[in-house]
Amino acid sequence: MPWRDDKVELRRLLVSAVGEGRRDISGLCREFGISRTCGYKWLRRYAAEGASGLLDRSRRPHRVCGGTSEAVEALIVEDRGRHPAWGARKLRRRLEGKVLEVPSERTVNRILSRHGLVSGARRGESDLVTRFERSHPNDLWQIDHKGAYHGRWGVRAVPLSVLDDCSRYLIGLRSLGDKGLASTWGALWDLLGEFGLPDSVLTDNDQVFRGEAGPSRVEANFLRLGIAVLHGRPYHPQTQGKVERFHGTLVREVMIPRGFKSFGDLQELFGRFREEYNYSRPHEALGLSTPGSRYVPSVRCRPGVLPEMEYGGGAVLRKVNAWGRISLRKRQLAVGRGLCGERVEVRETVSGVDIYYGRYHILHFGLEEMFGGWKS
């Protein structure tokens, strides 16, 4: 009769049988299917504690050698309070250099759970998403507007984010009044002056970044500076995954917890967050290093003014009118309002006409477009 169903009741029967003197202890232990050592253990506990001694005891140790001190636990809870969106891995990294013995990530998770600070698990990213990363700082900057954010008393602002693809360094986080050309290019021009010129930029397909027929004014300005312009696939924000993910961080750590009264108030908030994001906040994609430890400014300095596009001798040039069109063979070809007042080069080929802006090929018109009517 081994200990199976109600172990406590069987222990009572064993003690009762011994007390009545019906069987010797060895025989009773064989009958109950236990060792004599086990039988004597329960008899000793019953003698010392009575009926309560037959209950199962907690297996939790009275003391954990090398356990996390109350001071370290308080640091973890305090840091989580300042950064409610941070997980155990980031919080643990922040302890390095502050305490002698850094607890494991699992221990930090247990501490957060004990204090009710563990949020629901995030949904995993799809393995079908193609990830890319440039190998050097300033190879590529990702640029995007965040949706308009409404503060107190009807104040509205549009954040503009510029993120280095390689280091995840936050080049700029600006509070703009709108997504228009003047405010967007003004902010980008200042950042280019501070950090130098990247080799290329990646933007979405918003009209300020991508023209309908040809380059937008922002695209044209980048090209005049020798910066290649790339665009994400329409309706596929994962193409700009790094800046999109950053916007999620921005919402969790800045937008939701805090409000703002004015553009200046929000910009001050952005400045403090940018400093922390670049130099204090560990980044998991960087092996928990900070973006500031990986980034260096570009060696290509921004000129004082936008340079003019240069063309070789003998190039056939056309000036873009106020409607973003050029005249060729009595046809009006739309090359983009972003090029109004600029000159473009026309190169005729057997398959149609190629349009160049400086050294950049921007458009191709086939024979049907050339001779079958006006292209809008």
Protein backbone atom coordinates (compact mmCIF):
# COMPACT_ATOMS: atom_id res chain seq x y z
CA MET A 1 0.00 0.00 0.00
CA PRO A 2 2.41 2.72 -1.21
CA TRP A 3 1.74 6.46 -0.66
CA ARG A 4 -0.72 7.15 -3.46
CA ASP A 5 -3.98 8.97 -3.04
CA ASP A 6 -4.23 10.81 0.33
CA LYS A 7 -0.69 10.71 1.68
CA VAL A 8 -1.56 12.55 4.90
CA GLU A 9 -4.31 10.01 5.76
CA LEU A 10 -1.97 7.08 5.15
CA ARG A 11 0.59 8.67 7.47
CA ARG A 12 -2.11 8.93 10.17
CA LEU A 13 -2.92 5.24 9.72
CA LEU A 14 0.76 4.33 10.09
CA VAL A 15 1.09 6.35 13.29
CA SER A 16 -2.15 4.96 14.66
CA ALA A 17 -1.11 1.35 13.96
CA VAL A 18 2.23 1.86 15.68
CA GLY A 19 0.54 3.50 18.66
CA GLU A 20 -1.85 0.56 19.09
CA GLY A 21 1.09 -1.85 18.95
CA ARG A 22 -0.58 -4.06 16.36
CA ARG A 23 2.51 -4.68 14.21
CA ASP A 24 6.21 -4.06 14.46
CA ILE A 25 7.47 -1.03 12.56
CA SER A 26 9.37 -3.05 9.93
CA GLY A 27 6.25 -5.06 9.06
CA LEU A 28 4.07 -1.95 8.88
CA CYS A 29 6.57 -0.20 6.56
CA ARG A 30 6.51 -3.22 4.23
CA GLU A 31 2.69 -3.19 4.29
CA PHE A 32 2.57 0.54 3.44
CA GLY A 33 5.25 0.12 0.73
CA ILE A 34 7.76 2.53 2.28
CA SER A 35 11.24 2.25 3.69
CA ARG A 36 11.90 2.09 7.43
CA THR A 37 13.74 5.41 7.13
CA CYS A 38 10.60 7.04 5.77
CA GLY A 39 8.45 5.43 8.45
CA TYR A 40 10.65 6.57 11.31
CA LYS A 41 10.73 10.11 9.83
CA TRP A 42 6.97 10.49 10.10
CA LEU A 43 6.89 8.93 13.56
CA ARG A 44 9.50 11.47 14.75
CA ARG A 45 7.58 14.39 13.23
CA TYR A 46 4.32 13.22 14.83
CA ALA A 47 6.01 12.90 18.21
CA ALA A 48 7.47 16.42 17.92
CA GLU A 49 4.62 18.34 16.25
CA GLY A 50 1.49 16.25 16.58
CA ALA A 51 -0.97 15.93 13.68
CA SER A 52 0.48 19.02 11.92
CA GLY A 53 3.80 17.19 11.59
CA LEU A 54 2.19 14.78 9.10
CA LEU A 55 1.52 17.57 6.58
CA ASP A 56 3.83 18.20 3.61
CA ARG A 57 6.36 20.95 4.22
CA SER A 58 7.35 23.69 1.79
CA ARG A 59 10.34 22.84 -0.34
CA ARG A 60 11.32 26.48 -0.59
CA PRO A 61 14.79 27.07 0.87
CA HIS A 62 15.02 29.20 4.01
CA ARG A 63 17.96 31.12 2.57
CA VAL A 64 19.33 31.52 -0.97
CA CYS A 65 23.10 31.80 -1.12
CA GLY A 66 24.14 34.80 -3.20
CA GLY A 67 20.55 36.01 -3.60
CA THR A 68 19.76 39.46 -4.95
CA SER A 69 20.09 42.11 -2.28
CA GLU A 70 17.25 44.46 -1.41
CA ALA A 71 19.31 47.40 -2.67
CA VAL A 72 19.79 45.83 -6.12
CA GLU A 73 16.12 44.87 -6.26
CA ALA A 74 15.19 48.46 -5.42
CA LEU A 75 17.44 49.72 -8.25
CA ILE A 76 15.69 47.40 -10.72
CA VAL A 77 12.22 48.50 -9.62
CA GLU A 78 13.23 52.18 -9.65
CA ASP A 79 14.73 51.92 -13.15
CA ARG A 80 11.62 50.14 -14.42
CA GLY A 81 9.52 52.95 -12.96
CA ARG A 82 11.48 55.48 -15.01
CA HIS A 83 11.39 53.27 -18.12
CA PRO A 84 8.11 51.29 -18.02
CA ALA A 85 8.61 49.93 -21.55
CA TRP A 86 12.02 48.37 -20.83
CA GLY A 87 12.35 44.63 -20.34
CA ALA A 88 14.63 42.55 -18.12
CA ARG A 89 17.49 42.47 -20.62
CA LYS A 90 17.83 46.26 -20.84
CA LEU A 91 17.35 46.74 -17.09
CA ARG A 92 20.03 44.16 -16.35
CA ARG A 93 22.47 45.87 -18.71
CA ARG A 94 21.91 49.15 -16.86
CA LEU A 95 23.08 47.52 -13.62
CA GLU A 96 26.52 46.80 -15.05
CA GLY A 97 29.04 49.10 -13.43
CA LYS A 98 26.59 50.06 -10.68
CA VAL A 99 26.59 46.86 -8.57
CA LEU A 100 29.24 44.25 -7.80
CA GLU A 101 27.13 41.21 -8.72
CA VAL A 102 24.67 41.65 -11.61
CA PRO A 103 21.70 39.24 -11.36
CA SER A 104 20.73 37.08 -14.31
CA GLU A 105 18.05 38.12 -16.78
CA ARG A 106 15.75 35.44 -15.33
CA THR A 107 16.24 36.86 -11.82
CA VAL A 108 15.41 40.36 -13.03
CA ASN A 109 12.25 38.97 -14.64
CA ARG A 110 11.28 37.30 -11.36
CA ILE A 111 11.79 40.57 -9.48
CA LEU A 112 9.61 42.44 -12.00
CA SER A 113 6.95 39.74 -11.73
CA ARG A 114 7.03 39.87 -7.94
CA HIS A 115 6.32 43.61 -8.10
CA GLY A 116 3.62 43.26 -10.75
CA LEU A 117 5.72 44.97 -13.42
CA VAL A 118 5.68 42.30 -16.14
CA SER A 119 3.58 43.24 -19.17
CA GLY A 120 2.09 40.84 -21.69
CA ALA A 121 4.46 39.14 -24.12
CA ARG A 122 4.92 40.84 -27.47
CA ARG A 123 3.80 39.13 -30.58
CA GLY A 124 6.76 37.62 -32.41
CA GLU A 125 7.84 39.04 -35.74
CA SER A 126 7.24 37.02 -38.85
CA ASP A 127 10.18 35.00 -40.09
CA LEU A 128 9.11 35.94 -43.61
CA VAL A 129 10.22 39.56 -43.16
CA THR A 130 13.50 40.20 -44.94
CA ARG A 131 15.90 42.10 -42.70
CA PHE A 132 18.80 44.19 -43.88
CA GLU A 133 21.44 46.32 -42.26
CA ARG A 134 24.06 48.59 -43.74
CA SER A 135 27.64 47.87 -42.69
CA HIS A 136 28.86 51.41 -41.91
CA PRO A 137 27.37 54.51 -40.26
CA ASN A 138 25.94 57.02 -42.76
CA ASP A 139 25.62 54.42 -45.52
CA LEU A 140 21.86 54.90 -45.16
CA TRP A 141 19.57 57.13 -43.11
CA GLN A 142 15.93 56.16 -42.62
CA ILE A 143 13.59 59.18 -42.56
CA ASP A 144 9.92 59.27 -41.67
CA HIS A 145 7.16 61.45 -40.25
CA LYS A 146 5.24 60.11 -37.28
CA GLY A 147 1.51 60.69 -37.32
CA ALA A 148 0.39 64.02 -35.88
CA TYR A 149 0.38 64.13 -32.10
CA HIS A 150 -2.08 66.32 -30.19
CA GLY A 151 -0.98 67.87 -26.93
CA ARG A 152 -2.76 70.10 -24.44
CA TRP A 153 -5.08 72.95 -25.38
CA GLY A 154 -5.33 71.93 -29.02
CA VAL A 155 -1.58 72.02 -29.80
CA ARG A 156 -0.67 69.73 -32.70
CA ALA A 157 2.81 68.55 -33.76
CA VAL A 158 4.27 66.18 -36.36
CA PRO A 159 7.47 64.39 -35.24
CA LEU A 160 10.18 63.91 -37.88
CA SER A 161 12.59 61.02 -37.19
CA VAL A 162 15.98 60.42 -38.84
CA LEU A 163 17.71 57.15 -37.88
CA ASP A 164 21.08 55.78 -38.98
CA ASP A 165 20.52 52.29 -40.39
CA CYS A 166 23.81 50.74 -39.21
CA SER A 167 24.19 52.10 -35.68
CA ARG A 168 20.50 52.88 -34.92
CA TYR A 169 21.77 56.29 -33.83
CA LEU A 170 18.92 58.80 -33.67
CA ILE A 171 20.26 61.54 -35.93
CA GLY A 172 17.31 63.79 -35.34
CA LEU A 173 13.90 63.93 -33.68
CA ARG A 174 12.17 67.20 -34.51
CA SER A 175 8.78 68.62 -33.60
CA LEU A 176 7.26 70.13 -36.76
CA GLY A 177 4.06 72.02 -37.35
CA ASP A 178 3.21 70.01 -40.47
CA LYS A 179 4.60 67.63 -43.11
CA GLY A 180 5.15 70.40 -45.63
CA LEU A 181 8.25 71.07 -47.71
CA ALA A 182 9.47 74.14 -45.81
CA SER A 183 9.35 72.60 -42.33
CA THR A 184 10.60 69.16 -43.41
CA TRP A 185 13.51 70.34 -45.55
CA GLY A 186 14.44 73.01 -43.01
CA ALA A 187 14.87 70.34 -40.33
CA LEU A 188 16.76 68.00 -42.67
CA TRP A 189 19.06 70.80 -43.85
CA ASP A 190 20.06 71.55 -40.24
CA LEU A 191 20.73 67.84 -39.51
CA LEU A 192 22.85 67.50 -42.65
CA GLY A 193 24.88 70.49 -41.48
CA GLU A 194 25.40 68.94 -38.04
CA PHE A 195 26.15 65.32 -38.99
CA GLY A 196 27.33 65.53 -42.60
CA LEU A 197 25.97 63.82 -45.71
CA PRO A 198 24.91 60.15 -45.85
CA ASP A 199 25.45 58.08 -48.97
CA SER A 200 21.71 57.44 -49.33
CA VAL A 201 18.36 57.96 -47.60
CA LEU A 202 15.29 55.74 -47.35
CA THR A 203 11.84 57.33 -47.08
CA ASP A 204 8.24 56.30 -47.45
CA ASN A 205 6.02 57.40 -50.34
CA ASP A 206 4.50 60.48 -48.71
CA GLN A 207 4.15 63.29 -51.25
CA VAL A 208 6.79 65.47 -49.60
CA PHE A 209 9.34 62.68 -50.14
CA ARG A 210 8.20 61.22 -53.47
CA GLY A 211 6.79 63.13 -56.42
CA GLU A 212 3.97 61.82 -58.58
CA ALA A 213 5.59 62.10 -62.01
CA GLY A 214 9.23 62.71 -61.11
CA PRO A 215 11.29 63.73 -58.06
CA SER A 216 9.75 65.82 -55.32
CA ARG A 217 11.61 68.93 -54.21
CA VAL A 218 13.07 67.07 -51.22
CA GLU A 219 14.28 64.27 -53.54
CA ALA A 220 15.78 66.81 -55.92
CA ASN A 221 17.60 68.55 -53.07
CA PHE A 222 19.07 65.25 -51.87
CA LEU A 223 20.25 64.46 -55.40
CA ARG A 224 21.91 67.89 -55.71
CA LEU A 225 23.89 66.99 -52.59
CA GLY A 226 24.99 63.66 -54.09
CA ILE A 227 22.69 61.59 -51.85
CA ALA A 228 20.88 58.66 -53.47
CA VAL A 229 17.16 58.42 -52.65
CA LEU A 230 15.39 55.11 -51.97
CA HIS A 231 11.70 54.55 -51.22
CA GLY A 232 9.91 51.79 -49.35
CA ARG A 233 7.40 49.55 -51.10
CA PRO A 234 3.91 51.07 -51.03
CA TYR A 235 1.79 49.68 -48.17
CA HIS A 236 4.82 47.80 -46.77
CA PRO A 237 6.04 49.81 -43.75
CA GLN A 238 8.35 46.93 -42.79
CA THR A 239 10.69 48.17 -45.54
CA GLN A 240 11.51 50.96 -43.09
CA GLY A 241 11.43 48.57 -40.17
CA LYS A 242 14.01 50.34 -38.02
CA VAL A 243 12.40 53.77 -38.01
CA GLU A 244 8.92 52.22 -37.71
CA ARG A 245 10.06 50.24 -34.68
CA PHE A 246 11.59 53.38 -33.26
CA HIS A 247 8.23 55.10 -33.56
CA GLY A 248 6.73 52.31 -31.46
CA THR A 249 9.36 53.03 -28.80
CA LEU A 250 8.64 56.75 -29.07
CA VAL A 251 4.93 56.19 -28.46
CA ARG A 252 5.49 53.89 -25.46
CA GLU A 253 8.21 55.89 -23.75
CA VAL A 254 7.37 59.51 -24.63
CA MET A 255 3.98 60.06 -26.24
CA ILE A 256 1.76 57.94 -24.00
CA PRO A 257 3.28 58.73 -20.59
CA ARG A 258 3.60 62.47 -21.10
CA GLY A 259 1.83 65.44 -22.65
CA PHE A 260 3.08 68.75 -24.00
CA LYS A 261 1.92 72.34 -24.04
CA SER A 262 3.79 73.76 -27.06
CA PHE A 263 6.24 72.91 -29.84
CA GLY A 264 9.11 74.09 -27.67
CA ASP A 265 7.91 71.96 -24.77
CA LEU A 266 7.72 68.88 -26.99
CA GLN A 267 11.11 69.60 -28.58
CA GLU A 268 12.70 69.84 -25.14
CA LEU A 269 11.14 66.48 -24.29
CA PHE A 270 12.44 65.05 -27.57
CA GLY A 271 15.93 66.36 -26.82
CA ARG A 272 16.09 64.59 -23.45
CA PHE A 273 14.72 61.38 -24.91
CA ARG A 274 17.16 61.48 -27.84
CA GLU A 275 20.11 61.84 -25.45
CA GLU A 276 18.92 58.86 -23.43
CA TYR A 277 18.12 56.80 -26.54
CA ASN A 278 21.57 57.34 -28.05
CA TYR A 279 23.79 57.12 -24.97
CA SER A 280 21.96 55.35 -22.11
CA ARG A 281 19.34 52.98 -23.47
CA PRO A 282 20.81 49.55 -24.37
CA HIS A 283 19.77 48.40 -27.86
CA GLU A 284 19.13 44.68 -28.31
CA ALA A 285 20.03 44.70 -32.02
CA LEU A 286 23.48 46.05 -31.04
CA GLY A 287 24.19 43.36 -28.44
CA LEU A 288 22.90 45.74 -25.74
CA SER A 289 25.41 48.42 -26.71
CA THR A 290 24.17 51.99 -27.14
CA PRO A 291 23.80 53.61 -30.60
CA GLY A 292 26.15 56.39 -29.51
CA SER A 293 28.96 53.87 -29.05
CA ARG A 294 28.67 52.83 -32.72
CA TYR A 295 28.00 56.07 -34.59
CA VAL A 296 30.47 58.54 -36.09
CA PRO A 297 29.50 61.62 -38.14
CA SER A 298 29.98 61.58 -41.90
CA VAL A 299 33.24 62.83 -43.39
CA ARG A 300 31.23 64.46 -46.20
CA CYS A 301 30.38 67.97 -45.05
CA ARG A 302 27.24 69.77 -46.19
CA PRO A 303 27.94 72.85 -48.34
CA GLY A 304 26.67 76.27 -47.36
CA VAL A 305 24.13 76.31 -50.22
CA LEU A 306 22.66 73.70 -52.51
CA PRO A 307 24.99 73.16 -55.49
CA GLU A 308 23.69 73.38 -59.04
CA MET A 309 23.48 70.21 -61.10
CA GLU A 310 26.31 69.90 -63.60
CA TYR A 311 26.05 68.53 -67.13
CA GLY A 312 28.69 67.60 -69.67
CA GLY A 313 29.37 69.51 -72.86
CA GLY A 314 26.95 68.73 -75.67
CA ALA A 315 24.14 67.63 -73.33
CA VAL A 316 20.64 68.38 -74.62
CA LEU A 317 18.98 70.34 -71.82
CA ARG A 318 15.41 71.39 -71.17
CA LYS A 319 14.09 73.72 -68.47
CA VAL A 320 11.21 72.46 -66.33
CA ASN A 321 8.28 74.89 -66.31
CA ALA A 322 6.02 75.84 -63.40
CA TRP A 323 3.79 72.81 -64.03
CA GLY A 324 6.68 70.36 -63.83
CA ARG A 325 6.85 69.71 -67.62
CA ILE A 326 9.35 70.03 -70.41
CA SER A 327 8.78 70.49 -74.15
CA LEU A 328 10.22 67.94 -76.56
CA ARG A 329 9.24 67.38 -80.17
CA LYS A 330 6.10 69.46 -79.63
CA ARG A 331 5.14 67.23 -76.73
CA GLN A 332 4.72 68.09 -73.06
CA LEU A 333 6.43 65.55 -70.79
CA ALA A 334 5.77 65.63 -67.04
CA VAL A 335 9.03 65.31 -65.11
CA GLY A 336 7.81 66.44 -61.68
CA ARG A 337 6.91 69.68 -59.92
CA GLY A 338 9.87 69.17 -57.63
CA LEU A 339 12.10 70.18 -60.54
CA CYS A 340 10.33 73.43 -61.42
CA GLY A 341 12.86 75.95 -62.68
CA GLU A 342 15.60 73.29 -62.93
CA ARG A 343 17.30 71.94 -66.06
CA VAL A 344 17.20 68.28 -67.03
CA GLU A 345 19.10 66.38 -69.70
CA VAL A 346 17.26 64.60 -72.52
CA ARG A 347 18.83 61.52 -74.11
CA GLU A 348 16.99 59.97 -77.05
CA THR A 349 17.39 56.23 -77.59
CA VAL A 350 15.90 53.63 -79.93
CA SER A 351 13.30 52.76 -77.28
CA GLY A 352 12.29 56.30 -76.34
CA VAL A 353 13.68 59.12 -74.23
CA ASP A 354 15.63 59.02 -70.97
CA ILE A 355 15.58 61.98 -68.58
CA TYR A 356 18.57 62.72 -66.36
CA TYR A 357 18.87 65.12 -63.47
CA GLY A 358 22.60 65.64 -63.30
CA ARG A 359 24.07 62.13 -63.26
CA TYR A 360 20.86 60.56 -61.96
CA HIS A 361 18.48 58.79 -64.31
CA ILE A 362 15.00 59.77 -63.16
CA LEU A 363 12.51 58.91 -65.94
CA HIS A 364 12.03 56.99 -69.18
CA PHE A 365 9.40 57.74 -71.82
CA GLY A 366 8.69 54.99 -74.33
CA LEU A 367 7.89 55.54 -77.98
CA GLU A 368 4.17 55.19 -77.36
CA GLU A 369 4.28 57.89 -74.66
CA MET A 370 6.31 60.13 -76.93
CA PHE A 371 4.18 59.87 -80.02
CA GLY A 372 0.86 58.53 -78.68
CA GLY A 373 -0.09 61.57 -76.66
CA TRP A 374 0.74 63.65 -73.61
CA LYS A 375 1.91 61.87 -70.48
CA SER A 376 0.32 63.22 -67.29
